[in-house]
Amino acid sequence: MITAAINILIYTIIFFLIGMYKPNWALFFMKKPNRFMVMVFSIVFFMIAATLFGEGERRKKLEETPASKVSEDSVPVASPVVKPGKN
């Protein structure tokens, strides 16, 4: 998952640079491409790459921790909310 995030990040940087130079090349499927749309797509792809990288790091950390260290204390448990009585 981490390598996929790095690959998406590299492609995003390439897409951004090409799109800023010639928006017609990057957004060939649009009738009137502009640099703003290139920036919007690049931001979305960057957020996807960052989320994948963070999730990959979280899963990697969970795999490295032994099962004995993962206890019930580390799992969040929902507690009931006590509402005050009506007067």
C-alpha atoms as a PDB file:
ATOM      1  CA  MET A   1       0.000   0.000   0.000  1.00  0.00           C
ATOM      2  CA  ILE A   2       2.901   2.320   0.740  1.00  0.00           C
ATOM      3  CA  THR A   3       4.490   1.673  -2.645  1.00  0.00           C
ATOM      4  CA  ALA A   4       1.164   2.386  -4.351  1.00  0.00           C
ATOM      5  CA  ALA A   5       0.968   5.694  -2.497  1.00  0.00           C
ATOM      6  CA  ILE A   6       4.482   6.629  -3.587  1.00  0.00           C
ATOM      7  CA  ASN A   7       3.676   5.687  -7.187  1.00  0.00           C
ATOM      8  CA  ILE A   8       0.510   7.798  -7.150  1.00  0.00           C
ATOM      9  CA  LEU A   9       2.500  10.698  -5.711  1.00  0.00           C
ATOM     10  CA  ILE A  10       5.112  10.456  -8.485  1.00  0.00           C
ATOM     11  CA  TYR A  11       2.395  10.323 -11.156  1.00  0.00           C
ATOM     12  CA  THR A  12       0.672  13.293  -9.519  1.00  0.00           C
ATOM     13  CA  ILE A  13       3.836  15.375  -9.628  1.00  0.00           C
ATOM     14  CA  ILE A  14       4.390  14.467 -13.287  1.00  0.00           C
ATOM     15  CA  PHE A  15       0.730  15.233 -14.102  1.00  0.00           C
ATOM     16  CA  PHE A  16       0.982  18.577 -12.314  1.00  0.00           C
ATOM     17  CA  LEU A  17       4.174  19.655 -14.075  1.00  0.00           C
ATOM     18  CA  ILE A  18       2.921  18.632 -17.524  1.00  0.00           C
ATOM     19  CA  GLY A  19      -0.476  20.188 -16.860  1.00  0.00           C
ATOM     20  CA  MET A  20       1.038  23.481 -15.782  1.00  0.00           C
ATOM     21  CA  TYR A  21       3.159  23.556 -18.922  1.00  0.00           C
ATOM     22  CA  LYS A  22       0.453  22.466 -21.395  1.00  0.00           C
ATOM     23  CA  PRO A  23      -3.018  21.823 -19.928  1.00  0.00           C
ATOM     24  CA  ASN A  24      -4.116  20.285 -23.245  1.00  0.00           C
ATOM     25  CA  TRP A  25      -1.691  17.404 -22.782  1.00  0.00           C
ATOM     26  CA  ALA A  26      -2.758  16.515 -19.243  1.00  0.00           C
ATOM     27  CA  LEU A  27      -6.479  17.074 -19.703  1.00  0.00           C
ATOM     28  CA  PHE A  28      -6.836  15.794 -23.243  1.00  0.00           C
ATOM     29  CA  PHE A  29     -10.397  14.589 -22.568  1.00  0.00           C
ATOM     30  CA  MET A  30     -11.758  18.083 -21.809  1.00  0.00           C
ATOM     31  CA  LYS A  31     -12.921  20.624 -24.394  1.00  0.00           C
ATOM     32  CA  LYS A  32     -11.376  23.655 -22.698  1.00  0.00           C
ATOM     33  CA  PRO A  33      -8.758  22.534 -20.171  1.00  0.00           C
ATOM     34  CA  ASN A  34      -7.179  25.132 -17.916  1.00  0.00           C
ATOM     35  CA  ARG A  35      -4.499  25.226 -15.246  1.00  0.00           C
ATOM     36  CA  PHE A  36      -7.033  25.541 -12.443  1.00  0.00           C
ATOM     37  CA  MET A  37      -8.506  22.128 -13.271  1.00  0.00           C
ATOM     38  CA  VAL A  38      -4.999  20.652 -13.369  1.00  0.00           C
ATOM     39  CA  MET A  39      -4.425  22.044  -9.879  1.00  0.00           C
ATOM     40  CA  VAL A  40      -7.749  20.633  -8.624  1.00  0.00           C
ATOM     41  CA  PHE A  41      -6.982  17.148  -9.973  1.00  0.00           C
ATOM     42  CA  SER A  42      -3.469  17.308  -8.545  1.00  0.00           C
ATOM     43  CA  ILE A  43      -4.735  18.248  -5.095  1.00  0.00           C
ATOM     44  CA  VAL A  44      -7.248  15.386  -5.106  1.00  0.00           C
ATOM     45  CA  PHE A  45      -4.597  12.884  -6.242  1.00  0.00           C
ATOM     46  CA  PHE A  46      -2.197  14.180  -3.578  1.00  0.00           C
ATOM     47  CA  MET A  47      -4.837  13.689  -0.869  1.00  0.00           C
ATOM     48  CA  ILE A  48      -5.434  10.141  -2.104  1.00  0.00           C
ATOM     49  CA  ALA A  49      -1.701   9.405  -2.020  1.00  0.00           C
ATOM     50  CA  ALA A  50      -1.326  10.870   1.476  1.00  0.00           C
ATOM     51  CA  THR A  51      -4.279   8.865   2.787  1.00  0.00           C
ATOM     52  CA  LEU A  52      -2.938   5.643   1.279  1.00  0.00           C
ATOM     53  CA  PHE A  53       0.488   6.308   2.746  1.00  0.00           C
ATOM     54  CA  GLY A  54      -0.928   6.991   6.214  1.00  0.00           C
ATOM     55  CA  GLU A  55      -3.117   3.884   6.111  1.00  0.00           C
ATOM     56  CA  GLY A  56      -0.165   1.794   4.938  1.00  0.00           C
ATOM     57  CA  GLU A  57       1.981   3.063   7.797  1.00  0.00           C
ATOM     58  CA  ARG A  58      -0.812   2.365  10.308  1.00  0.00           C
ATOM     59  CA  ARG A  59      -1.241  -1.207   9.053  1.00  0.00           C
ATOM     60  CA  LYS A  60       2.519  -1.734   9.049  1.00  0.00           C
ATOM     61  CA  LYS A  61       2.698  -0.592  12.675  1.00  0.00           C
ATOM     62  CA  LEU A  62      -0.186  -2.900  13.656  1.00  0.00           C
ATOM     63  CA  GLU A  63       1.517  -5.879  11.998  1.00  0.00           C
ATOM     64  CA  GLU A  64       4.781  -5.177  13.822  1.00  0.00           C
ATOM     65  CA  THR A  65       3.223  -5.033  17.294  1.00  0.00           C
ATOM     66  CA  PRO A  66       2.978  -8.435  18.938  1.00  0.00           C
ATOM     67  CA  ALA A  67      -0.472  -9.722  19.820  1.00  0.00           C
ATOM     68  CA  SER A  68       0.323  -9.627  23.548  1.00  0.00           C
ATOM     69  CA  LYS A  69       0.758  -5.835  23.451  1.00  0.00           C
ATOM     70  CA  VAL A  70      -2.612  -5.304  21.789  1.00  0.00           C
ATOM     71  CA  SER A  71      -5.103  -5.500  24.614  1.00  0.00           C
ATOM     72  CA  GLU A  72      -8.639  -4.395  25.285  1.00  0.00           C
ATOM     73  CA  ASP A  73      -7.310  -1.086  26.615  1.00  0.00           C
ATOM     74  CA  SER A  74      -6.070  -0.087  23.164  1.00  0.00           C
ATOM     75  CA  VAL A  75      -9.453  -0.622  21.492  1.00  0.00           C
ATOM     76  CA  PRO A  76     -11.892   2.288  21.908  1.00  0.00           C
ATOM     77  CA  VAL A  77     -15.194   1.294  23.460  1.00  0.00           C
ATOM     78  CA  ALA A  78     -18.344   3.347  23.167  1.00  0.00           C
ATOM     79  CA  SER A  79     -19.707   4.436  26.517  1.00  0.00           C
ATOM     80  CA  PRO A  80     -23.347   5.324  27.090  1.00  0.00           C
ATOM     81  CA  VAL A  81     -24.243   8.980  27.413  1.00  0.00           C
ATOM     82  CA  VAL A  82     -26.189   9.803  30.554  1.00  0.00           C
ATOM     83  CA  LYS A  83     -28.809  12.477  29.973  1.00  0.00           C
ATOM     84  CA  PRO A  84     -30.068  14.477  32.922  1.00  0.00           C
ATOM     85  CA  GLY A  85     -33.632  13.738  33.967  1.00  0.00           C
ATOM     86  CA  LYS A  86     -36.492  15.951  32.872  1.00  0.00           C
ATOM     87  CA  ASN A  87     -37.799  18.273  35.600  1.00  0.00           C
END
